[in-house]
Amino acid sequence: MKAILTRLFNHEELTSEETKQLLLNITKEMYPDAQIAAMLTAFQMRGITVDELIGFREALMETRVPIDFSPYKPIDIVGTGGDGKNTFNISTCACFIVAGAGYKVAKHGNYGATSVSGASNVIEQHGVHFTNNMETLKRSMEECNIAYLHAQLFNPAMKFVGPVRKALQVRTFFNLLGPLVNPCKPAYQLLGVADLAQMRLYTNVFYKLGIDFAVVNSLDSYDEISLTDEFKVMTRNYEHIYRPEDLGFKAAAPEDLFGGVCKEDAALIFDNVLNNRATAAQKQCVIVNAAFAIQIIEPQKSIEECISIARESLESGRALNTLKKFVTINS
């Protein structure tokens, strides 16, 4: 580690193989916490490269609890978090709309760190018991098109850096890894990021990993399509900036997307959306995120077609029925 730290302090870059081995060594408890903290700080100050991030990801994927959903070719919809907006669970709502439309979804999530309610919080509020049992997860995927993978059950290596991260009390590159370590290695991913620098980083990572993707960013720094401002979408096939009006939506205000002050508030908004009782701003925000997810799977469809598919899934009650069946299977 001393040699690695010296190189980092000199602003040298590491290879993906070096960062992979570095994290594997951490899981073997080869380094004291002080050196791990110094390493995390050095990367945070210098910034992490694409190859370095891929190496750390490879280490986490090598030590994960594996799950094979390859026959289903699922999509994951996730935001990086950390945008400080405390929105309701937009990505998780979108997952149930996409599943309700007949597409397979493998949602990877955790408890909220920078918001009142993360994906695991709102799922748990419905009485769901998290599991890494393959039979239960496959049944969920086959019977209601969606399985939920609670991160803490699948990424045991993270516990080796947990105390140091908690003691530092600042973001590190491990916050960037969360969206990249879905243990089933989904075929498709819609990722929301909080700024354009992250958009470039993740786009280059996805290109190298060979995942079909869309990375989205609202230009007023939401890590999802918020419709509060123009938003940018980057995929393998195009790069475009949209205005809400371009897609037939009204611009939203930040307060329209507020997730509440407690987990119960967030769960109520989540239920209102899927029961088609939400405000127009809440509803259209979830629909547009679901639509861009659908277009990753079906790139031959226009975004307007995908919006119609997502809207029909919500308004017909199919998204709600998907949630009800999901809760029954997983409780």
Protein backbone atom coordinates (compact mmCIF):
# COMPACT_ATOMS: atom_id res chain seq x y z
CA MET A 1 0.00 0.00 0.00
CA LYS A 2 2.87 2.39 0.69
CA ALA A 3 3.96 2.20 -2.96
CA ILE A 4 0.38 2.73 -4.14
CA LEU A 5 -0.05 5.77 -1.90
CA THR A 6 3.21 7.27 -3.12
CA ARG A 7 2.02 6.95 -6.73
CA LEU A 8 -1.37 8.44 -5.89
CA PHE A 9 0.23 11.39 -4.08
CA ASN A 10 2.29 11.97 -7.26
CA HIS A 11 -0.96 12.00 -9.30
CA GLU A 12 -0.05 8.79 -11.12
CA GLU A 13 -2.81 6.57 -12.52
CA LEU A 14 -3.27 2.89 -11.68
CA THR A 15 -4.29 0.13 -14.05
CA SER A 16 -7.58 -1.71 -13.66
CA GLU A 17 -5.67 -4.82 -12.58
CA GLU A 18 -3.88 -2.82 -9.86
CA THR A 19 -7.10 -1.36 -8.43
CA LYS A 20 -8.78 -4.76 -8.58
CA GLN A 21 -5.94 -6.31 -6.58
CA LEU A 22 -5.92 -3.36 -4.19
CA LEU A 23 -9.55 -3.93 -3.23
CA LEU A 24 -9.11 -7.71 -3.04
CA ASN A 25 -6.23 -7.11 -0.61
CA ILE A 26 -8.48 -4.88 1.48
CA THR A 27 -10.99 -7.75 1.78
CA LYS A 28 -8.11 -9.89 3.06
CA GLU A 29 -7.52 -7.24 5.76
CA MET A 30 -3.95 -6.64 4.60
CA TYR A 31 -3.94 -2.87 5.29
CA PRO A 32 -4.58 -0.75 8.39
CA ASP A 33 -7.55 1.62 8.37
CA ALA A 34 -5.29 4.68 8.24
CA GLN A 35 -3.82 3.59 4.91
CA ILE A 36 -7.26 2.79 3.51
CA ALA A 37 -8.47 6.24 4.55
CA ALA A 38 -5.45 7.84 2.91
CA MET A 39 -6.10 5.90 -0.30
CA LEU A 40 -9.78 6.91 -0.40
CA THR A 41 -8.85 10.54 0.24
CA ALA A 42 -6.18 10.56 -2.46
CA PHE A 43 -8.60 9.23 -5.08
CA GLN A 44 -11.26 11.74 -4.01
CA MET A 45 -8.88 14.67 -4.35
CA ARG A 46 -7.36 13.55 -7.66
CA GLY A 47 -10.45 12.01 -9.25
CA ILE A 48 -10.80 8.43 -10.47
CA THR A 49 -10.20 7.21 -14.02
CA VAL A 50 -12.39 4.88 -16.04
CA ASP A 51 -9.90 2.00 -15.81
CA GLU A 52 -9.41 2.47 -12.07
CA LEU A 53 -13.16 2.40 -11.47
CA ILE A 54 -13.55 -0.71 -13.62
CA GLY A 55 -10.84 -2.46 -11.62
CA PHE A 56 -12.55 -1.73 -8.32
CA ARG A 57 -15.82 -2.93 -9.86
CA GLU A 58 -14.21 -6.18 -11.01
CA ALA A 59 -13.05 -6.87 -7.46
CA LEU A 60 -16.55 -6.36 -6.07
CA MET A 61 -18.09 -8.52 -8.79
CA GLU A 62 -15.55 -11.28 -8.12
CA THR A 63 -16.45 -11.33 -4.41
CA ARG A 64 -20.21 -10.84 -4.83
CA VAL A 65 -22.95 -13.37 -4.16
CA PRO A 66 -23.68 -14.23 -7.81
CA ILE A 67 -27.13 -14.49 -9.32
CA ASP A 68 -27.88 -15.58 -12.88
CA PHE A 69 -30.68 -13.68 -14.59
CA SER A 70 -29.05 -13.83 -18.03
CA PRO A 71 -31.99 -15.68 -19.65
CA TYR A 72 -34.26 -12.76 -18.75
CA LYS A 73 -31.99 -9.94 -20.02
CA PRO A 74 -33.24 -7.55 -17.32
CA ILE A 75 -32.81 -3.81 -16.93
CA ASP A 76 -31.84 -1.88 -13.80
CA ILE A 77 -32.95 1.71 -13.18
CA VAL A 78 -30.91 3.59 -10.62
CA GLY A 79 -29.55 6.99 -9.66
CA THR A 80 -26.15 7.68 -8.19
CA GLY A 81 -27.66 9.59 -5.26
CA GLY A 82 -25.96 12.47 -3.57
CA ASP A 83 -27.75 15.20 -5.52
CA GLY A 84 -29.15 16.61 -2.27
CA LYS A 85 -32.65 16.98 -3.72
CA ASN A 86 -34.48 14.46 -1.47
CA THR A 87 -36.89 13.44 -4.20
CA PHE A 88 -39.41 10.65 -3.80
CA ASN A 89 -38.47 7.16 -5.08
CA ILE A 90 -38.68 7.99 -8.78
CA SER A 91 -36.43 5.19 -10.06
CA THR A 92 -38.16 2.53 -7.99
CA CYS A 93 -41.60 3.67 -9.19
CA ALA A 94 -40.30 3.58 -12.76
CA CYS A 95 -39.13 -0.01 -12.24
CA PHE A 96 -42.67 -1.17 -11.48
CA ILE A 97 -44.04 0.70 -14.49
CA VAL A 98 -41.47 -0.96 -16.76
CA ALA A 99 -42.21 -4.38 -15.22
CA GLY A 100 -45.94 -3.71 -15.58
CA ALA A 101 -45.35 -3.08 -19.29
CA GLY A 102 -43.94 -6.61 -19.61
CA TYR A 103 -40.18 -6.02 -19.42
CA LYS A 104 -37.87 -7.79 -16.98
CA VAL A 105 -36.37 -5.66 -14.21
CA ALA A 106 -33.59 -6.52 -11.74
CA LYS A 107 -33.58 -3.61 -9.32
CA HIS A 108 -30.41 -3.29 -7.23
CA GLY A 109 -30.76 -0.92 -4.28
CA ASN A 110 -29.98 -0.02 -0.71
CA TYR A 111 -31.18 2.10 2.18
CA GLY A 112 -31.10 5.86 1.65
CA ALA A 113 -27.85 7.60 2.48
CA THR A 114 -28.50 11.14 1.25
CA SER A 115 -32.30 11.10 1.12
CA VAL A 116 -35.12 10.17 3.48
CA SER A 117 -35.94 6.98 1.60
CA GLY A 118 -33.76 4.80 -0.60
CA ALA A 119 -35.13 1.95 -2.69
CA SER A 120 -34.73 -0.56 0.15
CA ASN A 121 -36.58 1.74 2.55
CA VAL A 122 -39.66 2.06 0.37
CA ILE A 123 -39.67 -1.64 -0.56
CA GLU A 124 -39.33 -2.62 3.10
CA GLN A 125 -42.23 -0.32 4.03
CA HIS A 126 -44.46 -2.71 2.08
CA GLY A 127 -43.53 -5.68 4.25
CA VAL A 128 -41.03 -7.19 1.81
CA HIS A 129 -38.30 -9.42 3.26
CA PHE A 130 -34.99 -9.08 1.43
CA THR A 131 -33.39 -12.30 0.25
CA ASN A 132 -30.61 -13.68 -1.91
CA ASN A 133 -32.42 -16.99 -2.30
CA MET A 134 -32.29 -17.78 -6.01
CA GLU A 135 -35.56 -19.68 -6.11
CA THR A 136 -37.51 -16.81 -4.58
CA LEU A 137 -35.86 -14.23 -6.82
CA LYS A 138 -36.47 -16.29 -9.97
CA ARG A 139 -40.10 -16.80 -9.00
CA SER A 140 -40.46 -13.06 -8.54
CA MET A 141 -38.88 -12.39 -11.93
CA GLU A 142 -41.02 -14.95 -13.73
CA GLU A 143 -44.36 -14.16 -12.09
CA CYS A 144 -44.24 -10.36 -11.92
CA ASN A 145 -41.25 -9.38 -14.13
CA ILE A 146 -39.24 -7.82 -11.30
CA ALA A 147 -36.80 -8.97 -8.62
CA TYR A 148 -35.27 -6.79 -5.92
CA LEU A 149 -31.61 -7.27 -4.99
CA HIS A 150 -30.83 -5.61 -1.64
CA ALA A 151 -27.18 -4.59 -1.95
CA GLN A 152 -26.11 -5.61 1.54
CA LEU A 153 -26.98 -9.26 0.82
CA PHE A 154 -24.87 -9.44 -2.33
CA ASN A 155 -21.72 -7.36 -1.80
CA PRO A 156 -19.93 -8.70 1.30
CA ALA A 157 -16.66 -6.97 0.38
CA MET A 158 -18.20 -3.58 1.15
CA LYS A 159 -18.16 -4.32 4.87
CA PHE A 160 -14.35 -4.15 4.88
CA VAL A 161 -14.38 -0.45 4.00
CA GLY A 162 -17.60 0.41 5.82
CA PRO A 163 -16.06 1.64 9.09
CA VAL A 164 -13.50 3.81 7.28
CA ARG A 165 -16.13 5.34 5.00
CA LYS A 166 -18.35 6.06 7.98
CA ALA A 167 -15.48 7.66 9.90
CA LEU A 168 -14.50 9.86 6.95
CA GLN A 169 -18.07 11.21 6.62
CA VAL A 170 -17.47 12.35 3.03
CA ARG A 171 -18.24 10.84 -0.36
CA THR A 172 -15.61 8.55 -1.89
CA PHE A 173 -15.32 6.57 -5.11
CA PHE A 174 -17.32 3.80 -3.42
CA ASN A 175 -20.36 6.01 -3.95
CA LEU A 176 -19.64 5.75 -7.68
CA LEU A 177 -19.43 1.96 -7.52
CA GLY A 178 -22.96 1.35 -6.23
CA PRO A 179 -24.70 1.67 -9.63
CA LEU A 180 -22.09 -0.58 -11.28
CA VAL A 181 -22.23 -3.65 -9.06
CA ASN A 182 -25.69 -5.12 -9.62
CA PRO A 183 -24.82 -8.77 -8.87
CA CYS A 184 -26.83 -10.16 -11.80
CA LYS A 185 -24.93 -8.05 -14.38
CA PRO A 186 -28.08 -6.72 -16.08
CA ALA A 187 -28.17 -6.52 -19.86
CA TYR A 188 -29.50 -2.95 -19.77
CA GLN A 189 -29.19 -0.01 -17.41
CA LEU A 190 -30.75 3.43 -17.05
CA LEU A 191 -28.48 5.48 -14.79
CA GLY A 192 -29.21 8.94 -13.46
CA VAL A 193 -26.23 11.13 -12.55
CA ALA A 194 -26.03 14.49 -10.79
CA ASP A 195 -23.55 16.25 -13.11
CA LEU A 196 -22.03 16.08 -16.58
CA ALA A 197 -18.61 14.96 -15.31
CA GLN A 198 -20.23 11.82 -13.89
CA MET A 199 -22.11 11.41 -17.15
CA ARG A 200 -18.84 11.24 -19.09
CA LEU A 201 -17.28 8.87 -16.56
CA TYR A 202 -20.15 6.37 -16.52
CA THR A 203 -20.72 6.54 -20.28
CA ASN A 204 -17.11 5.52 -20.86
CA VAL A 205 -17.40 2.75 -18.24
CA PHE A 206 -20.53 1.34 -19.89
CA TYR A 207 -18.87 1.41 -23.31
CA LYS A 208 -15.98 -0.65 -21.95
CA LEU A 209 -18.28 -3.07 -20.09
CA GLY A 210 -20.45 -3.66 -23.15
CA ILE A 211 -23.75 -2.81 -21.40
CA ASP A 212 -26.61 -1.23 -23.36
CA PHE A 213 -27.34 1.93 -21.43
CA ALA A 214 -28.76 5.39 -21.11
CA VAL A 215 -27.17 7.89 -18.75
CA VAL A 216 -29.44 10.81 -17.89
CA ASN A 217 -28.93 14.10 -16.08
CA SER A 218 -31.22 17.04 -15.43
CA LEU A 219 -29.14 20.12 -16.05
CA ASP A 220 -30.18 21.60 -12.70
CA SER A 221 -28.29 18.72 -11.03
CA TYR A 222 -30.95 16.05 -10.44
CA ASP A 223 -29.68 12.47 -10.78
CA GLU A 224 -32.78 11.52 -12.79
CA ILE A 225 -35.06 13.08 -15.36
CA SER A 226 -36.84 15.52 -13.08
CA LEU A 227 -38.54 17.68 -15.74
CA THR A 228 -37.59 20.70 -13.61
CA ASP A 229 -35.18 21.83 -16.36
CA GLU A 230 -33.68 20.66 -19.62
CA PHE A 231 -32.15 17.19 -19.36
CA LYS A 232 -29.45 15.33 -21.24
CA VAL A 233 -29.57 11.70 -22.37
CA MET A 234 -26.57 9.73 -23.64
CA THR A 235 -26.87 6.22 -25.10
CA ARG A 236 -24.91 4.03 -27.49
CA ASN A 237 -27.05 5.41 -30.29
CA TYR A 238 -27.45 9.12 -29.58
CA GLU A 239 -26.75 12.11 -27.33
CA HIS A 240 -29.47 14.72 -26.95
CA ILE A 241 -30.71 17.52 -24.71
CA TYR A 242 -34.49 17.66 -24.26
CA ARG A 243 -36.85 20.24 -22.84
CA PRO A 244 -39.90 18.87 -20.99
CA GLU A 245 -42.12 20.59 -23.58
CA ASP A 246 -40.41 18.65 -26.39
CA LEU A 247 -42.05 15.48 -25.08
CA GLY A 248 -45.42 16.95 -24.19
CA PHE A 249 -44.74 17.49 -20.49
CA LYS A 250 -45.12 20.57 -18.32
CA ALA A 251 -42.08 21.81 -16.45
CA ALA A 252 -42.09 20.73 -12.80
CA ALA A 253 -41.05 22.68 -9.73
CA PRO A 254 -38.57 21.21 -7.22
CA GLU A 255 -41.20 21.11 -4.49
CA ASP A 256 -43.36 18.91 -6.74
CA LEU A 257 -40.84 16.08 -6.36
CA PHE A 258 -40.09 16.38 -2.65
CA GLY A 259 -39.95 12.98 -0.97
CA GLY A 260 -41.21 14.03 2.46
CA VAL A 261 -39.60 14.14 5.88
CA CYS A 262 -39.83 10.46 6.81
CA LYS A 263 -39.96 6.99 5.26
CA GLU A 264 -43.73 6.86 5.68
CA ASP A 265 -44.13 10.03 3.60
CA ALA A 266 -42.03 8.55 0.82
CA ALA A 267 -43.98 5.27 0.86
CA LEU A 268 -47.26 7.19 0.60
CA ILE A 269 -46.07 9.09 -2.48
CA PHE A 270 -44.81 5.83 -3.99
CA ASP A 271 -48.22 4.22 -3.47
CA ASN A 272 -50.06 7.27 -4.81
CA VAL A 273 -48.02 7.12 -8.01
CA LEU A 274 -48.69 3.43 -8.65
CA ASN A 275 -52.36 3.84 -7.71
CA ASN A 276 -52.52 6.62 -10.33
CA ARG A 277 -53.51 9.13 -7.61
CA ALA A 278 -50.31 11.19 -7.69
CA THR A 279 -49.97 14.79 -8.79
CA ALA A 280 -49.44 15.45 -12.48
CA ALA A 281 -45.80 16.41 -11.84
CA GLN A 282 -45.07 13.21 -9.87
CA LYS A 283 -46.78 11.05 -12.46
CA GLN A 284 -45.10 12.54 -15.53
CA CYS A 285 -41.65 12.39 -13.89
CA VAL A 286 -41.97 8.64 -13.31
CA ILE A 287 -43.43 8.02 -16.77
CA VAL A 288 -40.60 9.79 -18.58
CA ASN A 289 -37.90 7.88 -16.67
CA ALA A 290 -39.69 4.58 -17.39
CA ALA A 291 -39.99 5.54 -21.05
CA PHE A 292 -36.28 6.10 -21.52
CA ALA A 293 -35.64 2.77 -19.79
CA ILE A 294 -37.99 1.02 -22.23
CA GLN A 295 -36.22 2.64 -25.17
CA ILE A 296 -32.91 1.09 -24.09
CA ILE A 297 -34.52 -2.33 -24.47
CA GLU A 298 -36.34 -1.39 -27.68
CA PRO A 299 -34.18 1.23 -29.42
CA GLN A 300 -36.21 0.92 -32.61
CA LYS A 301 -39.13 2.60 -30.84
CA SER A 302 -39.40 6.37 -30.68
CA ILE A 303 -39.38 7.98 -27.26
CA GLU A 304 -42.97 9.04 -27.88
CA GLU A 305 -43.97 5.38 -28.34
CA CYS A 306 -42.14 4.46 -25.16
CA ILE A 307 -43.90 7.22 -23.23
CA SER A 308 -47.24 5.78 -24.40
CA ILE A 309 -46.21 2.28 -23.25
CA ALA A 310 -45.16 3.58 -19.83
CA ARG A 311 -48.30 5.67 -19.44
CA GLU A 312 -50.52 2.72 -20.33
CA SER A 313 -48.75 0.50 -17.78
CA LEU A 314 -49.51 3.03 -15.05
CA GLU A 315 -53.00 4.14 -16.03
CA SER A 316 -54.28 0.62 -16.79
CA GLY A 317 -53.32 -0.58 -13.29
CA ARG A 318 -50.79 -3.10 -14.58
CA ALA A 319 -47.95 -1.40 -12.70
CA LEU A 320 -50.00 -1.52 -9.48
CA ASN A 321 -50.87 -5.19 -10.01
CA THR A 322 -47.17 -5.89 -10.52
CA LEU A 323 -46.41 -4.27 -7.16
CA LYS A 324 -49.15 -6.25 -5.41
CA LYS A 325 -47.92 -9.56 -6.81
CA PHE A 326 -44.30 -8.63 -6.01
CA VAL A 327 -45.21 -7.92 -2.37
CA THR A 328 -47.12 -11.22 -2.11
CA ILE A 329 -44.19 -13.25 -3.45
CA ASN A 330 -41.51 -11.47 -1.41
CA SER A 331 -43.22 -11.01 1.96
